[in-house]
Amino acid sequence: MKGRIFTAAVVAATLVAVTTSVPARAADAPTIEELVEGAKKEGRLVVLLLQPTQQHNREIVMEAFKSRFGLDIDIEWSPMHPTTLMSRLNAESPSGRFSADIGQGSVDDLWPSVEKGYVARMDWPATFGSMLESIDQAAGGVPPEMSGTVLSMFDLVYGLVWNTDFVEEADLPRSFADLADESWNQRIALNSYHIAPVDYLSYEIGAEPTIDLVGKLLDNNPVLKAGSGAVGAAVSAGEAAVGTGMAYATDLAIDRGEPVRFRPFTDYTPVLGMKVFVPAYAPNPNAARLFAAWFTTEGMALVGESEHLGQLGNPNSVVGRELSRQIEEAGSKVVSVSSIAQFGELAETRKVIDKMIADR
């Protein structure tokens, strides 16, 4: 996939559309005081984040944010799945307007929107480095072409989810390849969206081996569900004995008393860094930038542990440290994106996988 650069016309349109917009370059980066004054004038913030999932934790975050910066603004929090959000972002942004201020997504999902200039850029450390100690870490860990566009929220760690009422831990498949064994025929739940996270294995093993594995999994007549969350719910409900799922979602299900557990596979552990971003045409860009920087540093620290959200590389994250321990004990290799080129390769792999699903 070839990269693009912002044209002068796009930049000019952004500045006209958002009268209180802030410059994106370090040389003229806004101060925190300027952002606060701009946010007070805007008086509103629209958040589309899925996490925190619990309403009382969202209330904690909203009140703490307003208190931190002395703001008396209205905050509307309408959780939206990143897949839906990306469609909305790409549908609305060509008009030079967008209807919300804060969104989330993985880097592979966000890259096409970054290419088109639909995600705002900013030198986050230049503005917030003196106040938010971990802003450098939040702003890092992405391909250089995405620098200054997103901030790290948490790591989405994938592995095996199983129903303890239907299968003993000693009898579980250990690797992704083990799921293809005929003993798991009609006993697996998988994500109908590209069979994620299996599609991400292409980052490590390449397209053909990934497609071959997907074919074997489909031959095992899995229960297909729309999303990894739905896969976990299917396993919990007994529609399948095992499935590919997310660590944090499984922990939340355990909190609810559901008979499910999670562990990493022994071969690969796909990890997606979930990112927070500010749309280029956010209606309240000052409040949005304040919230994005604060939430991915101090805000997540308030609610991350109770929501079972963490980052593997964050020494202050209890959840992250525990998941790192599990991955190390399993002898599993973490699989995550390392270059923009991989996005194009993943897209082509997904096209083949989607056709395989459609042809079943």
Protein backbone atom coordinates (compact mmCIF):
# COMPACT_ATOMS: atom_id res chain seq x y z
CA MET A 1 0.00 0.00 0.00
CA LYS A 2 1.44 3.33 -1.03
CA GLY A 3 1.47 6.15 1.47
CA ARG A 4 0.09 9.59 0.92
CA ILE A 5 0.91 12.95 2.39
CA PHE A 6 -1.34 15.76 3.48
CA THR A 7 -1.94 18.23 0.67
CA ALA A 8 -2.05 21.95 1.29
CA ALA A 9 -5.73 21.91 0.43
CA VAL A 10 -6.56 19.34 3.09
CA VAL A 11 -4.63 21.23 5.74
CA ALA A 12 -6.29 24.49 4.78
CA ALA A 13 -9.72 22.89 4.89
CA THR A 14 -9.04 21.56 8.35
CA LEU A 15 -8.06 24.99 9.66
CA VAL A 16 -11.14 26.62 8.17
CA ALA A 17 -13.54 23.92 9.37
CA VAL A 18 -12.30 24.04 12.97
CA THR A 19 -11.93 27.62 14.11
CA THR A 20 -10.27 26.65 17.37
CA SER A 21 -7.98 24.06 15.81
CA VAL A 22 -4.49 23.61 17.14
CA PRO A 23 -1.30 23.33 15.05
CA ALA A 24 0.13 19.84 14.58
CA ARG A 25 3.84 20.64 14.42
CA ALA A 26 6.21 20.80 17.37
CA ALA A 27 7.40 24.27 16.39
CA ASP A 28 3.98 25.76 17.09
CA ALA A 29 2.48 23.10 19.35
CA PRO A 30 -0.29 24.49 21.55
CA THR A 31 0.22 24.83 25.27
CA ILE A 32 -1.99 23.01 27.75
CA GLU A 33 -3.33 26.37 28.86
CA GLU A 34 -4.38 27.19 25.29
CA LEU A 35 -6.13 23.86 24.95
CA VAL A 36 -7.96 24.34 28.24
CA GLU A 37 -9.19 27.78 27.22
CA GLY A 38 -10.29 26.41 23.87
CA ALA A 39 -12.10 23.51 25.55
CA LYS A 40 -13.97 25.90 27.84
CA LYS A 41 -15.20 27.83 24.81
CA GLU A 42 -16.26 24.62 23.06
CA GLY A 43 -18.18 23.43 26.13
CA ARG A 44 -18.70 19.90 24.84
CA LEU A 45 -16.96 16.59 24.13
CA VAL A 46 -18.32 13.55 22.25
CA VAL A 47 -16.60 10.24 23.07
CA LEU A 48 -17.13 7.01 21.09
CA LEU A 49 -14.81 4.70 23.06
CA LEU A 50 -15.91 1.15 23.92
CA GLN A 51 -13.74 1.07 27.04
CA PRO A 52 -14.30 1.41 29.89
CA THR A 53 -17.20 -1.01 29.42
CA GLN A 54 -18.80 -0.30 32.79
CA GLN A 55 -20.89 2.87 33.10
CA HIS A 56 -19.70 3.71 36.61
CA ASN A 57 -16.10 3.64 35.36
CA ARG A 58 -17.02 6.02 32.55
CA GLU A 59 -18.48 8.34 35.15
CA ILE A 60 -15.23 8.16 37.12
CA VAL A 61 -13.24 9.02 34.00
CA MET A 62 -15.46 11.93 32.95
CA GLU A 63 -15.50 13.55 36.38
CA ALA A 64 -11.76 13.08 36.90
CA PHE A 65 -11.01 14.60 33.49
CA LYS A 66 -13.10 17.70 34.14
CA SER A 67 -11.58 18.10 37.59
CA ARG A 68 -8.01 17.69 36.27
CA PHE A 69 -8.35 20.65 33.90
CA GLY A 70 -10.99 22.71 35.72
CA LEU A 71 -13.58 22.17 32.99
CA ASP A 72 -17.35 22.50 33.24
CA ILE A 73 -18.32 20.93 29.92
CA ASP A 74 -20.91 18.44 28.72
CA ILE A 75 -19.50 15.01 27.85
CA GLU A 76 -21.52 12.62 25.72
CA TRP A 77 -20.19 9.04 25.80
CA SER A 78 -21.69 6.78 23.13
CA PRO A 79 -19.72 3.50 22.86
CA MET A 80 -19.13 2.41 19.27
CA HIS A 81 -17.36 -0.66 17.91
CA PRO A 82 -14.17 0.33 16.03
CA THR A 83 -15.34 -1.39 12.82
CA THR A 84 -18.51 0.71 12.79
CA LEU A 85 -16.53 3.79 13.75
CA MET A 86 -14.09 3.40 10.85
CA SER A 87 -17.00 3.19 8.40
CA ARG A 88 -18.54 6.31 9.91
CA LEU A 89 -15.23 8.18 9.91
CA ASN A 90 -14.67 7.45 6.22
CA ALA A 91 -18.26 8.27 5.29
CA GLU A 92 -18.39 11.65 7.06
CA SER A 93 -14.86 13.02 6.76
CA PRO A 94 -14.84 13.76 2.99
CA SER A 95 -17.36 16.51 3.72
CA GLY A 96 -14.85 18.23 6.04
CA ARG A 97 -16.94 17.51 9.12
CA PHE A 98 -17.26 14.76 11.69
CA SER A 99 -19.80 14.23 14.45
CA ALA A 100 -17.56 13.11 17.33
CA ASP A 101 -14.28 13.97 19.04
CA ILE A 102 -12.66 10.77 20.35
CA GLY A 103 -12.48 7.30 18.82
CA GLN A 104 -10.51 4.09 19.09
CA GLY A 105 -9.18 1.39 16.81
CA SER A 106 -6.22 -0.83 16.07
CA VAL A 107 -3.42 0.52 13.89
CA ASP A 108 -4.32 -1.73 10.95
CA ASP A 109 -7.91 -0.49 10.98
CA LEU A 110 -6.83 3.13 11.41
CA TRP A 111 -4.10 3.30 8.78
CA PRO A 112 -6.40 3.89 5.75
CA SER A 113 -8.01 6.83 7.58
CA VAL A 114 -4.59 8.18 8.55
CA GLU A 115 -3.54 7.98 4.90
CA LYS A 116 -6.57 10.00 3.84
CA GLY A 117 -5.94 12.69 6.46
CA TYR A 118 -9.01 11.86 8.52
CA VAL A 119 -7.01 11.50 11.76
CA ALA A 120 -5.56 14.62 13.39
CA ARG A 121 -1.80 14.89 13.91
CA MET A 122 -0.09 16.40 16.91
CA ASP A 123 3.25 16.33 18.69
CA TRP A 124 1.83 14.97 21.93
CA PRO A 125 5.06 15.01 23.98
CA ALA A 126 5.78 18.63 23.00
CA THR A 127 2.52 19.77 24.55
CA PHE A 128 1.96 17.33 27.40
CA GLY A 129 5.45 16.16 28.34
CA SER A 130 5.70 18.48 31.34
CA MET A 131 2.40 17.28 32.83
CA LEU A 132 1.88 13.66 31.77
CA GLU A 133 5.00 11.61 32.45
CA SER A 134 3.95 8.60 30.36
CA ILE A 135 2.87 10.53 27.27
CA ASP A 136 6.04 9.46 25.42
CA GLN A 137 5.13 5.83 25.88
CA ALA A 138 1.51 6.46 24.88
CA ALA A 139 2.62 8.23 21.70
CA GLY A 140 5.13 5.55 20.68
CA GLY A 141 5.03 1.99 19.46
CA VAL A 142 3.61 2.64 15.98
CA PRO A 143 5.11 2.62 12.47
CA PRO A 144 6.81 5.98 11.80
CA GLU A 145 4.19 6.93 9.20
CA MET A 146 1.60 6.99 12.00
CA SER A 147 3.66 8.99 14.47
CA GLY A 148 1.66 11.79 16.05
CA THR A 149 -1.73 10.38 15.06
CA VAL A 150 -2.67 7.89 17.78
CA LEU A 151 -2.09 7.20 21.47
CA SER A 152 -1.88 3.78 23.10
CA MET A 153 -4.89 2.79 25.18
CA PHE A 154 -4.36 -0.91 25.99
CA ASP A 155 -3.14 -4.15 24.42
CA LEU A 156 -5.77 -6.51 23.08
CA VAL A 157 -4.28 -9.95 23.79
CA TYR A 158 -5.73 -12.97 21.96
CA GLY A 159 -5.58 -16.61 22.92
CA LEU A 160 -7.72 -19.64 23.69
CA VAL A 161 -11.03 -19.34 25.53
CA TRP A 162 -12.75 -22.46 26.85
CA ASN A 163 -15.86 -23.47 28.77
CA THR A 164 -14.87 -25.23 31.98
CA ASP A 165 -18.16 -27.16 32.03
CA PHE A 166 -17.39 -28.83 28.70
CA VAL A 167 -13.65 -29.46 28.59
CA GLU A 168 -10.83 -30.08 31.06
CA GLU A 169 -7.81 -27.82 30.81
CA ALA A 170 -5.51 -30.80 30.31
CA ASP A 171 -7.44 -31.76 27.17
CA LEU A 172 -7.30 -28.33 25.52
CA PRO A 173 -5.61 -27.54 22.21
CA ARG A 174 -2.26 -25.93 22.87
CA SER A 175 -1.47 -24.20 19.58
CA PHE A 176 -3.45 -22.58 16.77
CA ALA A 177 -2.64 -25.62 14.63
CA ASP A 178 -4.15 -27.92 17.27
CA LEU A 179 -7.54 -26.32 16.65
CA ALA A 180 -7.48 -27.90 13.21
CA ASP A 181 -7.40 -31.41 14.68
CA GLU A 182 -10.56 -33.34 13.80
CA SER A 183 -11.27 -33.93 17.49
CA TRP A 184 -12.45 -30.31 17.60
CA ASN A 185 -14.85 -30.68 14.68
CA GLN A 186 -18.03 -28.67 15.43
CA ARG A 187 -16.67 -27.74 18.86
CA ILE A 188 -14.92 -24.47 17.98
CA ALA A 189 -16.24 -20.89 17.85
CA LEU A 190 -14.42 -18.49 15.53
CA ASN A 191 -14.72 -14.85 14.52
CA SER A 192 -16.49 -14.50 11.16
CA TYR A 193 -14.57 -11.24 10.56
CA HIS A 194 -11.56 -12.66 8.69
CA ILE A 195 -11.27 -15.44 11.33
CA ALA A 196 -9.44 -12.92 13.50
CA PRO A 197 -7.08 -13.26 15.25
CA VAL A 198 -5.83 -16.08 12.99
CA ASP A 199 -5.50 -13.58 10.12
CA TYR A 200 -2.90 -11.65 12.14
CA LEU A 201 -0.58 -14.65 12.05
CA SER A 202 0.27 -13.49 8.52
CA TYR A 203 2.46 -10.84 10.19
CA GLU A 204 4.71 -13.66 11.41
CA ILE A 205 4.29 -16.70 9.17
CA GLY A 206 3.15 -15.11 5.91
CA ALA A 207 -0.03 -15.18 3.86
CA GLU A 208 -0.01 -18.72 2.44
CA PRO A 209 0.53 -20.62 5.73
CA THR A 210 -2.12 -18.41 7.36
CA ILE A 211 -4.64 -19.08 4.59
CA ASP A 212 -3.84 -22.80 4.74
CA LEU A 213 -4.51 -22.84 8.50
CA VAL A 214 -7.80 -20.97 8.05
CA GLY A 215 -8.87 -23.56 5.48
CA LYS A 216 -8.22 -26.38 7.94
CA LEU A 217 -10.13 -24.56 10.66
CA LEU A 218 -13.12 -24.04 8.37
CA ASP A 219 -13.01 -27.75 7.49
CA ASN A 220 -13.64 -28.36 11.19
CA ASN A 221 -17.12 -26.81 10.85
CA PRO A 222 -16.72 -24.05 13.45
CA VAL A 223 -19.49 -21.93 14.90
CA LEU A 224 -18.92 -18.54 13.28
CA LYS A 225 -19.79 -15.44 15.28
CA ALA A 226 -19.67 -11.76 14.38
CA GLY A 227 -16.77 -10.52 16.49
CA SER A 228 -14.43 -11.85 19.13
CA GLY A 229 -16.79 -10.73 21.88
CA ALA A 230 -19.54 -12.85 20.34
CA VAL A 231 -17.13 -15.80 20.15
CA GLY A 232 -16.49 -15.53 23.88
CA ALA A 233 -20.23 -15.33 24.56
CA ALA A 234 -20.83 -18.44 22.45
CA VAL A 235 -18.24 -20.40 24.41
CA SER A 236 -19.70 -19.19 27.68
CA ALA A 237 -23.19 -20.22 26.59
CA GLY A 238 -22.03 -23.69 25.56
CA GLU A 239 -22.50 -23.28 21.81
CA ALA A 240 -18.87 -24.33 21.50
CA ALA A 241 -16.35 -25.87 23.88
CA VAL A 242 -13.46 -23.60 22.84
CA GLY A 243 -12.77 -20.53 20.76
CA THR A 244 -10.30 -17.79 19.99
CA GLY A 245 -10.92 -14.87 22.30
CA MET A 246 -9.65 -11.86 24.20
CA ALA A 247 -8.06 -11.88 27.64
CA TYR A 248 -9.84 -8.81 29.02
CA ALA A 249 -13.29 -9.92 27.81
CA THR A 250 -12.79 -13.35 29.37
CA ASP A 251 -11.79 -11.79 32.69
CA LEU A 252 -14.91 -9.63 32.65
CA ALA A 253 -17.00 -12.75 31.96
CA ILE A 254 -15.34 -14.49 34.93
CA ASP A 255 -16.28 -11.48 37.07
CA ARG A 256 -19.90 -12.11 36.01
CA GLY A 257 -19.62 -15.74 37.14
CA GLU A 258 -19.47 -17.30 33.66
CA PRO A 259 -17.71 -20.70 33.24
CA VAL A 260 -14.91 -19.53 30.95
CA ARG A 261 -11.15 -19.21 31.14
CA PHE A 262 -8.34 -17.80 28.99
CA ARG A 263 -4.78 -18.77 28.25
CA PRO A 264 -2.26 -17.92 25.50
CA PHE A 265 -1.51 -20.43 22.75
CA THR A 266 1.92 -22.00 22.94
CA ASP A 267 2.96 -20.97 19.42
CA TYR A 268 1.73 -17.41 18.81
CA THR A 269 -0.04 -14.67 20.76
CA PRO A 270 -1.57 -12.02 18.49
CA VAL A 271 -1.53 -8.62 20.21
CA LEU A 272 -3.34 -5.57 18.86
CA GLY A 273 -2.49 -2.23 20.35
CA MET A 274 -5.79 -0.43 20.79
CA LYS A 275 -5.33 3.28 20.06
CA VAL A 276 -7.18 6.47 20.84
CA PHE A 277 -7.38 9.10 18.11
CA VAL A 278 -8.81 12.54 17.45
CA PRO A 279 -10.61 12.88 14.09
CA ALA A 280 -9.19 15.58 11.83
CA TYR A 281 -12.60 17.25 11.74
CA ALA A 282 -13.53 16.83 15.39
CA PRO A 283 -16.09 19.49 16.38
CA ASN A 284 -14.33 20.11 19.72
CA PRO A 285 -10.63 19.64 18.95
CA ASN A 286 -9.22 21.32 22.05
CA ALA A 287 -11.26 19.23 24.48
CA ALA A 288 -10.53 16.18 22.33
CA ARG A 289 -6.76 16.60 22.49
CA LEU A 290 -6.85 17.21 26.22
CA PHE A 291 -8.96 14.12 26.79
CA ALA A 292 -6.95 11.85 24.48
CA ALA A 293 -3.64 12.69 26.17
CA TRP A 294 -5.02 12.54 29.71
CA PHE A 295 -7.12 9.40 29.21
CA THR A 296 -4.32 7.29 27.74
CA THR A 297 -2.04 8.18 30.65
CA GLU A 298 -3.72 9.14 33.93
CA GLY A 299 -7.28 8.18 32.98
CA MET A 300 -6.60 4.56 32.11
CA ALA A 301 -4.69 4.20 35.35
CA LEU A 302 -7.93 4.95 37.23
CA VAL A 303 -10.03 2.20 35.65
CA GLY A 304 -7.70 -0.13 33.75
CA GLU A 305 -7.27 -2.72 36.47
CA SER A 306 -10.98 -3.09 37.25
CA GLU A 307 -11.67 -3.38 33.52
CA HIS A 308 -8.80 -5.90 33.10
CA LEU A 309 -7.09 -3.64 30.57
CA GLY A 310 -3.33 -3.31 30.44
CA GLN A 311 -0.27 -2.89 28.26
CA LEU A 312 2.37 -5.60 28.06
CA GLY A 313 5.24 -3.12 28.06
CA ASN A 314 3.96 -0.91 30.87
CA PRO A 315 5.78 -1.69 34.14
CA ASN A 316 2.99 -0.01 36.09
CA SER A 317 0.27 -2.23 34.60
CA VAL A 318 -0.66 -5.16 36.86
CA VAL A 319 -2.79 -6.67 34.07
CA GLY A 320 0.01 -6.22 31.55
CA ARG A 321 2.58 -7.87 33.81
CA GLU A 322 0.32 -10.86 34.45
CA LEU A 323 -0.40 -11.38 30.75
CA SER A 324 3.31 -11.07 29.98
CA ARG A 325 3.98 -13.78 32.56
CA GLN A 326 1.39 -16.08 31.01
CA ILE A 327 2.78 -15.55 27.51
CA GLU A 328 6.31 -16.24 28.70
CA GLU A 329 5.28 -19.39 30.55
CA ALA A 330 3.48 -20.66 27.45
CA GLY A 331 6.63 -20.08 25.38
CA SER A 332 4.49 -18.12 22.94
CA LYS A 333 5.75 -15.56 20.43
CA VAL A 334 3.97 -12.21 20.43
CA VAL A 335 2.72 -11.28 16.97
CA SER A 336 2.04 -7.62 16.22
CA VAL A 337 2.48 -5.16 13.39
CA SER A 338 5.92 -3.72 12.75
CA SER A 339 5.57 -1.90 9.43
CA ILE A 340 3.05 -0.16 7.20
CA ALA A 341 3.77 -2.67 4.42
CA GLN A 342 2.16 -5.38 6.52
CA PHE A 343 -1.20 -3.60 6.38
CA GLY A 344 -1.46 -4.13 2.64
CA GLU A 345 -0.41 -7.75 2.97
CA LEU A 346 -3.02 -8.29 5.71
CA ALA A 347 -5.72 -6.73 3.54
CA GLU A 348 -4.96 -9.14 0.68
CA THR A 349 -4.91 -12.10 3.06
CA ARG A 350 -8.27 -11.06 4.43
CA LYS A 351 -9.80 -10.91 0.96
CA VAL A 352 -8.89 -14.55 0.42
CA ILE A 353 -10.16 -15.56 3.86
CA ASP A 354 -13.45 -13.70 3.40
CA LYS A 355 -14.03 -15.50 0.10
CA MET A 356 -13.32 -18.82 1.78
CA ILE A 357 -15.95 -18.02 4.40
CA ALA A 358 -18.48 -16.91 1.78
CA ASP A 359 -17.93 -20.08 -0.25
CA ARG A 360 -18.60 -22.45 2.69
